[in-house]
Amino acid sequence: MNEYVMYFTMFALIIGALSSLKLCFHKNTSNVLIGEGLMAIIVATFLVVLSVGFNISFGETVALFILVAGPVGTIAFSRAMKKNRE
């Protein structure tokens, strides 16, 4: 992978992560859930780029775990918030 492409991709993912964090700190529950899901995708993509660029063998496994745990955490959080409303 070209070095500049990897750096640009990591920079773009960092910008996306910052906008996701901004979305997470809004007061609406839906914004928090959307921001958390987006952050899980961004972190997993960042780990895959790092593992390919620096030849880290377990990066894809950790990214897969994050991609599975992100939606599970979102569903668990939304069910907990639903129980608190009723």
N, C-alpha and C. Protein backbone atom coordinates (compact mmCIF):
# COMPACT_ATOMS: atom_id res chain seq x y z
N MET A 1 0.86 -1.17 0.00
CA MET A 1 0.00 0.00 0.00
C MET A 1 0.90 1.23 0.00
N ASN A 2 0.51 2.20 -0.79
CA ASN A 2 1.27 3.45 -0.86
C ASN A 2 1.21 4.15 0.50
N GLU A 3 2.33 4.69 0.91
CA GLU A 3 2.43 5.31 2.23
C GLU A 3 1.50 6.52 2.36
N TYR A 4 1.40 7.33 1.31
CA TYR A 4 0.55 8.51 1.37
C TYR A 4 -0.93 8.16 1.41
N VAL A 5 -1.30 7.09 0.72
CA VAL A 5 -2.69 6.64 0.74
C VAL A 5 -3.07 6.18 2.14
N MET A 6 -2.14 5.47 2.80
CA MET A 6 -2.41 5.00 4.15
C MET A 6 -2.55 6.18 5.12
N TYR A 7 -1.67 7.17 5.00
CA TYR A 7 -1.76 8.33 5.89
C TYR A 7 -3.03 9.13 5.65
N PHE A 8 -3.42 9.29 4.39
CA PHE A 8 -4.65 10.02 4.08
C PHE A 8 -5.86 9.27 4.61
N THR A 9 -5.85 7.95 4.49
CA THR A 9 -6.97 7.15 4.99
C THR A 9 -7.08 7.26 6.50
N MET A 10 -5.94 7.20 7.20
CA MET A 10 -5.97 7.34 8.66
C MET A 10 -6.42 8.73 9.07
N PHE A 11 -5.99 9.76 8.34
CA PHE A 11 -6.43 11.13 8.64
C PHE A 11 -7.94 11.28 8.44
N ALA A 12 -8.46 10.72 7.35
CA ALA A 12 -9.90 10.78 7.09
C ALA A 12 -10.69 10.04 8.16
N LEU A 13 -10.16 8.91 8.61
CA LEU A 13 -10.85 8.16 9.66
C LEU A 13 -10.82 8.91 11.00
N ILE A 14 -9.74 9.63 11.28
CA ILE A 14 -9.68 10.43 12.51
C ILE A 14 -10.70 11.56 12.46
N ILE A 15 -10.83 12.21 11.31
CA ILE A 15 -11.85 13.26 11.16
C ILE A 15 -13.25 12.67 11.34
N GLY A 16 -13.49 11.51 10.77
CA GLY A 16 -14.78 10.84 10.95
C GLY A 16 -15.03 10.47 12.40
N ALA A 17 -13.99 10.05 13.11
CA ALA A 17 -14.14 9.69 14.52
C ALA A 17 -14.48 10.92 15.36
N LEU A 18 -13.88 12.05 15.04
CA LEU A 18 -14.19 13.28 15.78
C LEU A 18 -15.63 13.73 15.54
N SER A 19 -16.10 13.60 14.31
CA SER A 19 -17.50 13.96 14.05
C SER A 19 -18.45 12.96 14.69
N SER A 20 -18.04 11.71 14.78
CA SER A 20 -18.85 10.72 15.48
C SER A 20 -18.93 11.01 16.97
N LEU A 21 -17.82 11.42 17.56
CA LEU A 21 -17.83 11.80 18.98
C LEU A 21 -18.72 13.00 19.22
N LYS A 22 -18.69 13.97 18.30
CA LYS A 22 -19.57 15.13 18.44
C LYS A 22 -21.03 14.71 18.40
N LEU A 23 -21.34 13.76 17.54
CA LEU A 23 -22.71 13.26 17.46
C LEU A 23 -23.09 12.49 18.73
N CYS A 24 -22.13 11.80 19.34
CA CYS A 24 -22.41 11.03 20.55
C CYS A 24 -22.76 11.92 21.74
N PHE A 25 -22.29 13.15 21.77
CA PHE A 25 -22.50 14.01 22.92
C PHE A 25 -23.76 14.87 22.82
N HIS A 26 -24.61 14.61 21.84
CA HIS A 26 -25.91 15.29 21.78
C HIS A 26 -26.84 14.65 22.81
N LYS A 27 -27.92 15.33 23.12
CA LYS A 27 -28.80 14.85 24.18
C LYS A 27 -29.78 13.79 23.72
N ASN A 28 -30.07 13.71 22.44
CA ASN A 28 -31.03 12.72 21.96
C ASN A 28 -30.42 11.32 21.99
N THR A 29 -31.21 10.35 22.41
CA THR A 29 -30.74 8.97 22.48
C THR A 29 -30.42 8.42 21.10
N SER A 30 -31.19 8.81 20.11
CA SER A 30 -30.95 8.30 18.76
C SER A 30 -29.60 8.78 18.24
N ASN A 31 -29.22 10.02 18.54
CA ASN A 31 -27.91 10.51 18.10
C ASN A 31 -26.78 9.75 18.77
N VAL A 32 -26.96 9.41 20.03
CA VAL A 32 -25.93 8.65 20.75
C VAL A 32 -25.77 7.26 20.12
N LEU A 33 -26.87 6.62 19.79
CA LEU A 33 -26.80 5.29 19.19
C LEU A 33 -26.17 5.33 17.81
N ILE A 34 -26.51 6.34 17.02
CA ILE A 34 -25.93 6.48 15.69
C ILE A 34 -24.43 6.76 15.79
N GLY A 35 -24.06 7.63 16.69
CA GLY A 35 -22.65 7.94 16.88
C GLY A 35 -21.84 6.76 17.35
N GLU A 36 -22.42 5.95 18.23
CA GLU A 36 -21.72 4.76 18.73
C GLU A 36 -21.54 3.73 17.62
N GLY A 37 -22.54 3.54 16.81
CA GLY A 37 -22.42 2.61 15.69
C GLY A 37 -21.40 3.08 14.66
N LEU A 38 -21.41 4.36 14.38
CA LEU A 38 -20.44 4.93 13.44
C LEU A 38 -19.02 4.82 13.99
N MET A 39 -18.87 5.04 15.28
CA MET A 39 -17.54 4.95 15.89
C MET A 39 -17.00 3.52 15.84
N ALA A 40 -17.85 2.54 16.01
CA ALA A 40 -17.41 1.14 15.93
C ALA A 40 -16.91 0.83 14.52
N ILE A 41 -17.60 1.31 13.51
CA ILE A 41 -17.18 1.07 12.13
C ILE A 41 -15.86 1.78 11.83
N ILE A 42 -15.72 3.00 12.32
CA ILE A 42 -14.50 3.77 12.06
C ILE A 42 -13.30 3.12 12.75
N VAL A 43 -13.46 2.71 13.99
CA VAL A 43 -12.34 2.09 14.71
C VAL A 43 -11.95 0.77 14.06
N ALA A 44 -12.92 -0.01 13.64
CA ALA A 44 -12.61 -1.29 12.98
C ALA A 44 -11.88 -1.06 11.66
N THR A 45 -12.31 -0.09 10.88
CA THR A 45 -11.63 0.22 9.63
C THR A 45 -10.21 0.72 9.88
N PHE A 46 -10.05 1.55 10.91
CA PHE A 46 -8.73 2.05 11.28
C PHE A 46 -7.80 0.90 11.65
N LEU A 47 -8.31 -0.07 12.40
CA LEU A 47 -7.50 -1.23 12.77
C LEU A 47 -7.11 -2.08 11.57
N VAL A 48 -8.00 -2.22 10.61
CA VAL A 48 -7.68 -2.99 9.41
C VAL A 48 -6.60 -2.27 8.60
N VAL A 49 -6.71 -0.95 8.47
CA VAL A 49 -5.69 -0.19 7.74
C VAL A 49 -4.34 -0.31 8.45
N LEU A 50 -4.33 -0.19 9.77
CA LEU A 50 -3.08 -0.33 10.51
C LEU A 50 -2.48 -1.73 10.40
N SER A 51 -3.33 -2.73 10.44
CA SER A 51 -2.82 -4.10 10.37
C SER A 51 -2.25 -4.41 8.99
N VAL A 52 -2.83 -3.85 7.95
CA VAL A 52 -2.28 -4.07 6.61
C VAL A 52 -1.00 -3.26 6.43
N GLY A 53 -1.00 -2.03 6.90
CA GLY A 53 0.16 -1.16 6.71
C GLY A 53 1.38 -1.57 7.51
N PHE A 54 1.16 -2.05 8.73
CA PHE A 54 2.28 -2.38 9.61
C PHE A 54 2.42 -3.88 9.87
N ASN A 55 1.69 -4.69 9.12
CA ASN A 55 1.79 -6.16 9.18
C ASN A 55 1.53 -6.69 10.60
N ILE A 56 0.41 -6.27 11.17
CA ILE A 56 -0.02 -6.76 12.48
C ILE A 56 -0.98 -7.92 12.24
N SER A 57 -0.67 -9.07 12.79
CA SER A 57 -1.40 -10.28 12.43
C SER A 57 -2.80 -10.36 13.05
N PHE A 58 -3.02 -9.79 14.22
CA PHE A 58 -4.30 -9.94 14.90
C PHE A 58 -5.23 -8.75 14.69
N GLY A 59 -4.88 -7.81 13.85
CA GLY A 59 -5.69 -6.61 13.65
C GLY A 59 -7.06 -6.90 13.07
N GLU A 60 -7.11 -7.80 12.11
CA GLU A 60 -8.40 -8.12 11.49
C GLU A 60 -9.33 -8.83 12.47
N THR A 61 -8.77 -9.65 13.36
CA THR A 61 -9.59 -10.35 14.35
C THR A 61 -10.20 -9.38 15.34
N VAL A 62 -9.43 -8.42 15.80
CA VAL A 62 -9.94 -7.41 16.72
C VAL A 62 -10.98 -6.54 16.03
N ALA A 63 -10.74 -6.20 14.77
CA ALA A 63 -11.71 -5.39 14.01
C ALA A 63 -13.03 -6.15 13.84
N LEU A 64 -12.94 -7.44 13.58
CA LEU A 64 -14.16 -8.25 13.45
C LEU A 64 -14.93 -8.29 14.76
N PHE A 65 -14.21 -8.43 15.87
CA PHE A 65 -14.87 -8.42 17.17
C PHE A 65 -15.57 -7.08 17.43
N ILE A 66 -14.93 -5.99 17.07
CA ILE A 66 -15.53 -4.67 17.27
C ILE A 66 -16.77 -4.51 16.38
N LEU A 67 -16.70 -5.03 15.16
CA LEU A 67 -17.86 -4.93 14.26
C LEU A 67 -19.04 -5.77 14.75
N VAL A 68 -18.76 -6.84 15.49
CA VAL A 68 -19.84 -7.64 16.06
C VAL A 68 -20.34 -7.03 17.36
N ALA A 69 -19.42 -6.54 18.19
CA ALA A 69 -19.80 -5.99 19.50
C ALA A 69 -20.50 -4.64 19.38
N GLY A 70 -20.22 -3.87 18.33
CA GLY A 70 -20.85 -2.56 18.17
C GLY A 70 -22.37 -2.63 18.07
N PRO A 71 -22.91 -3.38 17.12
CA PRO A 71 -24.37 -3.48 17.03
C PRO A 71 -25.01 -4.18 18.24
N VAL A 72 -24.30 -5.15 18.83
CA VAL A 72 -24.84 -5.81 20.02
C VAL A 72 -24.96 -4.81 21.17
N GLY A 73 -23.95 -3.96 21.33
CA GLY A 73 -24.02 -2.91 22.36
C GLY A 73 -25.11 -1.90 22.08
N THR A 74 -25.31 -1.57 20.82
CA THR A 74 -26.38 -0.63 20.45
C THR A 74 -27.75 -1.22 20.77
N ILE A 75 -27.95 -2.48 20.44
CA ILE A 75 -29.23 -3.13 20.73
C ILE A 75 -29.46 -3.23 22.23
N ALA A 76 -28.43 -3.59 22.98
CA ALA A 76 -28.57 -3.70 24.44
C ALA A 76 -28.87 -2.34 25.06
N PHE A 77 -28.21 -1.29 24.59
CA PHE A 77 -28.45 0.05 25.12
C PHE A 77 -29.85 0.53 24.79
N SER A 78 -30.31 0.26 23.57
CA SER A 78 -31.66 0.71 23.20
C SER A 78 -32.74 -0.05 23.98
N ARG A 79 -32.51 -1.33 24.26
CA ARG A 79 -33.48 -2.09 25.07
C ARG A 79 -33.49 -1.60 26.52
N ALA A 80 -32.31 -1.26 27.05
CA ALA A 80 -32.26 -0.73 28.39
C ALA A 80 -32.96 0.62 28.49
N MET A 81 -32.79 1.45 27.48
CA MET A 81 -33.46 2.75 27.48
C MET A 81 -34.98 2.59 27.30
N LYS A 82 -35.38 1.58 26.55
CA LYS A 82 -36.81 1.32 26.34
C LYS A 82 -37.46 0.87 27.65
N LYS A 83 -36.77 0.06 28.44
CA LYS A 83 -37.32 -0.39 29.71
C LYS A 83 -37.44 0.76 30.71
N ASN A 84 -36.51 1.71 30.65
CA ASN A 84 -36.58 2.86 31.55
C ASN A 84 -37.73 3.79 31.22
N ARG A 85 -38.15 3.82 29.97
CA ARG A 85 -39.26 4.70 29.56
C ARG A 85 -40.60 4.15 30.06
N GLU A 86 -40.75 2.86 30.10
CA GLU A 86 -42.05 2.26 30.42
C GLU A 86 -42.32 2.22 31.88
